[in-house]
């Protein structure tokens, strides 16, 4: 049972970091696959490669504890982007792609 809880907590931490770094709220299917992959990997590793009792329940507590601020940060980034637009900047200036800020000169 401890290996399942540790695997779940570690997979949840890695998934929350993925959500924050790669804007995972835009691709929930990828997030589900990512979580499933790491959960399966952790459980298989704990059953076949890691000796019993190598990681105590403290690992799960630490991983859950680290997951909470990461998810809060992801929520704040999502809310900021939703409020201010895709890039998070809303100052009323529209910049066209490829525009370097130089004045255009007419051909002579």
N, C-alpha and C. Protein backbone atom coordinates (compact mmCIF):
# COMPACT_ATOMS: atom_id res chain seq x y z
N UNK A 1 0.82 -1.20 0.00
CA UNK A 1 0.00 0.00 0.00
C UNK A 1 0.86 1.26 0.00
N UNK A 2 1.95 1.23 0.72
CA UNK A 2 2.84 2.38 0.79
C UNK A 2 3.44 2.70 -0.57
N UNK A 3 3.77 1.67 -1.35
CA UNK A 3 4.35 1.90 -2.68
C UNK A 3 3.35 2.57 -3.61
N UNK A 4 2.07 2.26 -3.46
CA UNK A 4 1.05 2.89 -4.30
C UNK A 4 0.88 4.36 -3.93
N UNK A 5 0.86 4.66 -2.64
CA UNK A 5 0.72 6.06 -2.19
C UNK A 5 1.95 6.87 -2.61
N UNK A 6 3.14 6.29 -2.44
CA UNK A 6 4.35 6.99 -2.87
C UNK A 6 4.36 7.21 -4.37
N UNK A 7 3.98 6.19 -5.13
CA UNK A 7 3.92 6.32 -6.58
C UNK A 7 2.92 7.38 -7.01
N UNK A 8 1.76 7.40 -6.35
CA UNK A 8 0.74 8.40 -6.65
C UNK A 8 1.24 9.81 -6.35
N UNK A 9 1.87 9.98 -5.20
CA UNK A 9 2.34 11.32 -4.82
C UNK A 9 3.45 11.81 -5.74
N UNK A 10 4.36 10.92 -6.12
CA UNK A 10 5.45 11.31 -7.00
C UNK A 10 4.92 11.64 -8.40
N UNK A 11 3.99 10.82 -8.90
CA UNK A 11 3.40 11.08 -10.22
C UNK A 11 2.61 12.39 -10.21
N UNK A 12 1.93 12.66 -9.12
CA UNK A 12 1.17 13.91 -9.00
C UNK A 12 2.11 15.12 -8.99
N UNK A 13 3.23 15.01 -8.31
CA UNK A 13 4.21 16.10 -8.29
C UNK A 13 4.78 16.35 -9.69
N UNK A 14 5.18 15.30 -10.36
CA UNK A 14 5.73 15.47 -11.71
C UNK A 14 4.69 16.03 -12.68
N UNK A 15 3.46 15.57 -12.54
CA UNK A 15 2.40 16.06 -13.42
C UNK A 15 2.10 17.53 -13.15
N UNK A 16 2.10 17.93 -11.89
CA UNK A 16 1.83 19.34 -11.58
C UNK A 16 2.96 20.23 -12.12
N UNK A 17 4.19 19.75 -12.08
CA UNK A 17 5.29 20.52 -12.66
C UNK A 17 5.14 20.62 -14.18
N UNK A 18 4.68 19.55 -14.81
CA UNK A 18 4.42 19.57 -16.24
C UNK A 18 3.33 20.59 -16.57
N UNK A 19 2.27 20.59 -15.77
CA UNK A 19 1.16 21.53 -16.00
C UNK A 19 1.65 22.97 -15.91
N UNK A 20 2.47 23.25 -14.92
CA UNK A 20 2.97 24.61 -14.75
C UNK A 20 3.93 25.01 -15.87
N UNK A 21 4.85 24.14 -16.21
CA UNK A 21 5.88 24.48 -17.19
C UNK A 21 5.35 24.56 -18.62
N UNK A 22 4.50 23.60 -19.02
CA UNK A 22 4.07 23.50 -20.40
C UNK A 22 2.61 23.88 -20.61
N UNK A 23 2.02 24.62 -19.65
CA UNK A 23 0.63 25.07 -19.76
C UNK A 23 -0.28 23.88 -20.04
N UNK A 24 -0.23 22.90 -19.15
CA UNK A 24 -0.95 21.64 -19.33
C UNK A 24 -2.45 21.78 -19.37
N UNK A 25 -3.01 22.89 -18.91
CA UNK A 25 -4.45 23.06 -18.95
C UNK A 25 -4.95 23.18 -20.38
N UNK A 26 -4.05 23.41 -21.33
CA UNK A 26 -4.45 23.49 -22.74
C UNK A 26 -4.55 22.11 -23.37
N UNK A 27 -3.90 21.12 -22.78
CA UNK A 27 -3.91 19.75 -23.33
C UNK A 27 -4.16 18.75 -22.21
N UNK A 28 -5.42 18.63 -21.75
CA UNK A 28 -5.69 17.73 -20.62
C UNK A 28 -5.45 16.25 -20.93
N UNK A 29 -5.59 15.87 -22.18
CA UNK A 29 -5.32 14.47 -22.55
C UNK A 29 -3.86 14.10 -22.34
N UNK A 30 -2.98 15.01 -22.70
CA UNK A 30 -1.54 14.77 -22.51
C UNK A 30 -1.21 14.70 -21.02
N UNK A 31 -1.87 15.52 -20.23
CA UNK A 31 -1.65 15.50 -18.78
C UNK A 31 -2.07 14.15 -18.20
N UNK A 32 -3.20 13.62 -18.66
CA UNK A 32 -3.67 12.31 -18.17
C UNK A 32 -2.69 11.21 -18.56
N UNK A 33 -2.19 11.24 -19.78
CA UNK A 33 -1.21 10.24 -20.22
C UNK A 33 0.08 10.37 -19.42
N UNK A 34 0.53 11.60 -19.19
CA UNK A 34 1.75 11.86 -18.42
C UNK A 34 1.61 11.30 -17.00
N UNK A 35 0.47 11.59 -16.35
CA UNK A 35 0.23 11.10 -15.00
C UNK A 35 0.18 9.56 -14.97
N UNK A 36 -0.54 8.97 -15.90
CA UNK A 36 -0.66 7.51 -15.96
C UNK A 36 0.69 6.85 -16.18
N UNK A 37 1.50 7.43 -17.06
CA UNK A 37 2.83 6.88 -17.33
C UNK A 37 3.69 6.88 -16.06
N UNK A 38 3.76 8.00 -15.38
CA UNK A 38 4.61 8.07 -14.19
C UNK A 38 4.06 7.27 -13.02
N UNK A 39 2.75 7.20 -12.90
CA UNK A 39 2.15 6.37 -11.85
C UNK A 39 2.50 4.90 -12.08
N UNK A 40 2.33 4.44 -13.30
CA UNK A 40 2.67 3.06 -13.65
C UNK A 40 4.15 2.80 -13.46
N UNK A 41 4.98 3.71 -13.91
CA UNK A 41 6.43 3.55 -13.78
C UNK A 41 6.85 3.46 -12.32
N UNK A 42 6.29 4.31 -11.47
CA UNK A 42 6.63 4.30 -10.04
C UNK A 42 6.18 3.01 -9.35
N UNK A 43 4.99 2.56 -9.67
CA UNK A 43 4.50 1.33 -9.03
C UNK A 43 5.31 0.12 -9.49
N UNK A 44 5.60 0.03 -10.78
CA UNK A 44 6.42 -1.08 -11.27
C UNK A 44 7.82 -1.04 -10.67
N UNK A 45 8.40 0.14 -10.59
CA UNK A 45 9.74 0.26 -10.01
C UNK A 45 9.74 -0.14 -8.54
N UNK A 46 8.70 0.23 -7.81
CA UNK A 46 8.66 -0.10 -6.39
C UNK A 46 8.44 -1.59 -6.16
N UNK A 47 7.77 -2.26 -7.08
CA UNK A 47 7.54 -3.70 -6.92
C UNK A 47 8.72 -4.55 -7.38
N UNK A 48 9.43 -4.09 -8.42
CA UNK A 48 10.47 -4.94 -9.00
C UNK A 48 11.90 -4.48 -8.73
N UNK A 49 12.15 -3.21 -8.51
CA UNK A 49 13.53 -2.73 -8.41
C UNK A 49 13.89 -2.12 -7.07
N UNK A 50 12.95 -1.52 -6.39
CA UNK A 50 13.25 -0.85 -5.12
C UNK A 50 12.93 -1.80 -3.97
N UNK A 51 13.86 -2.01 -3.05
CA UNK A 51 13.60 -2.92 -1.94
C UNK A 51 12.46 -2.42 -1.05
N UNK A 52 11.70 -3.34 -0.46
CA UNK A 52 10.58 -2.93 0.40
C UNK A 52 11.07 -2.07 1.57
N UNK A 53 10.37 -1.01 1.83
CA UNK A 53 10.71 -0.13 2.94
C UNK A 53 11.80 0.87 2.64
N UNK A 54 12.26 0.93 1.39
CA UNK A 54 13.33 1.87 1.04
C UNK A 54 12.85 3.32 1.20
N UNK A 55 11.62 3.56 0.82
CA UNK A 55 11.03 4.90 0.98
C UNK A 55 9.87 4.77 1.95
N UNK A 56 9.93 5.55 2.99
CA UNK A 56 8.84 5.52 3.96
C UNK A 56 7.69 6.39 3.52
N UNK A 57 6.75 6.56 4.42
CA UNK A 57 5.60 7.40 4.09
C UNK A 57 5.98 8.88 4.05
N UNK A 58 7.15 9.20 4.52
CA UNK A 58 7.63 10.58 4.47
C UNK A 58 7.78 11.10 3.06
N UNK A 59 8.13 10.20 2.13
CA UNK A 59 8.26 10.61 0.73
C UNK A 59 6.92 11.12 0.19
N UNK A 60 5.85 10.43 0.51
CA UNK A 60 4.52 10.85 0.05
C UNK A 60 4.15 12.20 0.65
N UNK A 61 4.48 12.40 1.91
CA UNK A 61 4.15 13.68 2.56
C UNK A 61 4.93 14.82 1.91
N UNK A 62 6.20 14.60 1.63
CA UNK A 62 7.02 15.63 0.98
C UNK A 62 6.51 15.92 -0.43
N UNK A 63 6.20 14.88 -1.19
CA UNK A 63 5.71 15.09 -2.56
C UNK A 63 4.36 15.80 -2.58
N UNK A 64 3.45 15.40 -1.69
CA UNK A 64 2.17 16.10 -1.61
C UNK A 64 2.36 17.54 -1.17
N UNK A 65 3.28 17.74 -0.24
CA UNK A 65 3.56 19.10 0.23
C UNK A 65 4.14 19.99 -0.85
N UNK A 66 4.96 19.43 -1.73
CA UNK A 66 5.53 20.21 -2.84
C UNK A 66 4.51 20.41 -3.96
N UNK A 67 3.57 19.49 -4.09
CA UNK A 67 2.57 19.59 -5.15
C UNK A 67 1.63 20.77 -4.92
N UNK A 68 1.29 21.03 -3.68
CA UNK A 68 0.31 22.08 -3.38
C UNK A 68 0.76 23.45 -3.89
N UNK A 69 1.97 23.93 -3.57
CA UNK A 69 2.35 25.26 -4.09
C UNK A 69 2.51 25.29 -5.61
N UNK A 70 2.90 24.16 -6.21
CA UNK A 70 3.04 24.12 -7.67
C UNK A 70 1.66 24.25 -8.32
N UNK A 71 0.67 23.55 -7.77
CA UNK A 71 -0.68 23.66 -8.33
C UNK A 71 -1.28 25.04 -8.10
N UNK A 72 -0.98 25.65 -6.96
CA UNK A 72 -1.45 27.01 -6.71
C UNK A 72 -0.81 27.97 -7.73
N UNK A 73 0.47 27.80 -7.99
CA UNK A 73 1.15 28.65 -8.98
C UNK A 73 0.57 28.43 -10.37
N UNK A 74 0.28 27.17 -10.74
CA UNK A 74 -0.31 26.89 -12.04
C UNK A 74 -1.69 27.54 -12.15
N UNK A 75 -2.47 27.49 -11.08
CA UNK A 75 -3.78 28.13 -11.08
C UNK A 75 -3.65 29.64 -11.26
N UNK A 76 -2.69 30.24 -10.57
CA UNK A 76 -2.50 31.69 -10.68
C UNK A 76 -2.05 32.09 -12.09
N UNK A 77 -1.18 31.29 -12.70
CA UNK A 77 -0.75 31.57 -14.07
C UNK A 77 -1.93 31.43 -15.03
N UNK A 78 -2.73 30.38 -14.85
CA UNK A 78 -3.90 30.18 -15.70
C UNK A 78 -4.86 31.36 -15.57
N UNK A 79 -5.11 31.78 -14.34
CA UNK A 79 -6.03 32.90 -14.11
C UNK A 79 -5.48 34.19 -14.71
N UNK A 80 -4.17 34.41 -14.58
CA UNK A 80 -3.54 35.61 -15.15
C UNK A 80 -3.65 35.61 -16.67
N UNK A 81 -3.37 34.46 -17.29
CA UNK A 81 -3.45 34.39 -18.74
C UNK A 81 -4.89 34.54 -19.23
N UNK A 82 -5.83 34.00 -18.49
CA UNK A 82 -7.23 34.12 -18.86
C UNK A 82 -7.69 35.58 -18.77
N UNK A 83 -7.19 36.29 -17.76
CA UNK A 83 -7.59 37.67 -17.54
C UNK A 83 -6.92 38.63 -18.52
N UNK A 84 -5.66 38.38 -18.85
CA UNK A 84 -4.88 39.32 -19.64
C UNK A 84 -4.56 38.86 -21.04
N UNK A 85 -5.06 37.74 -21.45
CA UNK A 85 -4.78 37.27 -22.80
C UNK A 85 -3.75 36.17 -22.81
N UNK A 86 -3.49 35.67 -24.00
CA UNK A 86 -2.62 34.51 -24.20
C UNK A 86 -1.22 34.71 -23.65
N UNK A 87 -0.60 35.85 -23.94
CA UNK A 87 0.79 36.06 -23.53
C UNK A 87 0.93 36.66 -22.15
N UNK A 88 -0.18 37.01 -21.51
CA UNK A 88 -0.12 37.56 -20.17
C UNK A 88 0.17 39.04 -20.12
N UNK A 89 0.29 39.69 -21.29
CA UNK A 89 0.59 41.11 -21.33
C UNK A 89 -0.61 41.82 -21.95
N UNK A 90 -1.11 42.83 -21.27
CA UNK A 90 -2.26 43.57 -21.78
C UNK A 90 -2.02 45.05 -21.51
N UNK A 91 -1.29 45.67 -22.44
CA UNK A 91 -1.00 47.09 -22.25
C UNK A 91 -1.55 47.94 -23.39
N UNK A 92 -2.39 47.36 -24.23
CA UNK A 92 -3.01 48.11 -25.30
C UNK A 92 -2.15 48.29 -26.53
N UNK A 93 -0.96 47.72 -26.57
CA UNK A 93 -0.08 47.86 -27.72
C UNK A 93 -0.08 46.54 -28.48
N UNK A 94 -0.39 46.62 -29.74
CA UNK A 94 -0.41 45.42 -30.56
C UNK A 94 0.89 45.37 -31.36
N UNK A 95 1.62 44.28 -31.24
CA UNK A 95 2.86 44.11 -31.97
C UNK A 95 2.65 43.02 -33.00
N UNK A 96 2.89 43.37 -34.25
CA UNK A 96 2.73 42.39 -35.32
C UNK A 96 3.95 41.49 -35.36
N UNK A 97 3.73 40.26 -35.76
CA UNK A 97 4.86 39.34 -35.79
C UNK A 97 5.84 39.78 -36.87
N UNK A 98 7.09 39.73 -36.56
CA UNK A 98 8.14 40.15 -37.48
C UNK A 98 8.44 41.64 -37.39
N UNK A 99 7.69 42.37 -36.61
CA UNK A 99 7.92 43.81 -36.44
C UNK A 99 9.03 44.00 -35.41
N UNK A 100 10.11 44.61 -35.83
CA UNK A 100 11.24 44.79 -34.92
C UNK A 100 11.26 46.17 -34.30
N UNK A 101 10.27 46.98 -34.59
CA UNK A 101 10.22 48.32 -34.01
C UNK A 101 10.92 49.37 -34.85
N UNK A 102 11.46 48.99 -36.00
CA UNK A 102 12.13 49.97 -36.87
C UNK A 102 11.11 50.65 -37.77
N UNK A 103 11.44 51.86 -38.17
CA UNK A 103 10.57 52.56 -39.10
C UNK A 103 10.78 51.98 -40.48
N UNK A 104 9.70 51.88 -41.22
CA UNK A 104 9.84 51.37 -42.59
C UNK A 104 10.19 52.53 -43.52
N UNK A 105 11.10 52.31 -44.40
CA UNK A 105 11.52 53.34 -45.36
C UNK A 105 10.99 52.97 -46.74
N UNK A 106 10.42 53.94 -47.39
CA UNK A 106 9.95 53.64 -48.76
C UNK A 106 11.14 53.46 -49.68
N UNK A 107 10.95 52.61 -50.65
CA UNK A 107 12.03 52.38 -51.63
C UNK A 107 12.21 53.63 -52.48
N UNK A 108 13.48 53.98 -52.79
CA UNK A 108 13.77 55.16 -53.61
C UNK A 108 13.83 54.80 -55.05
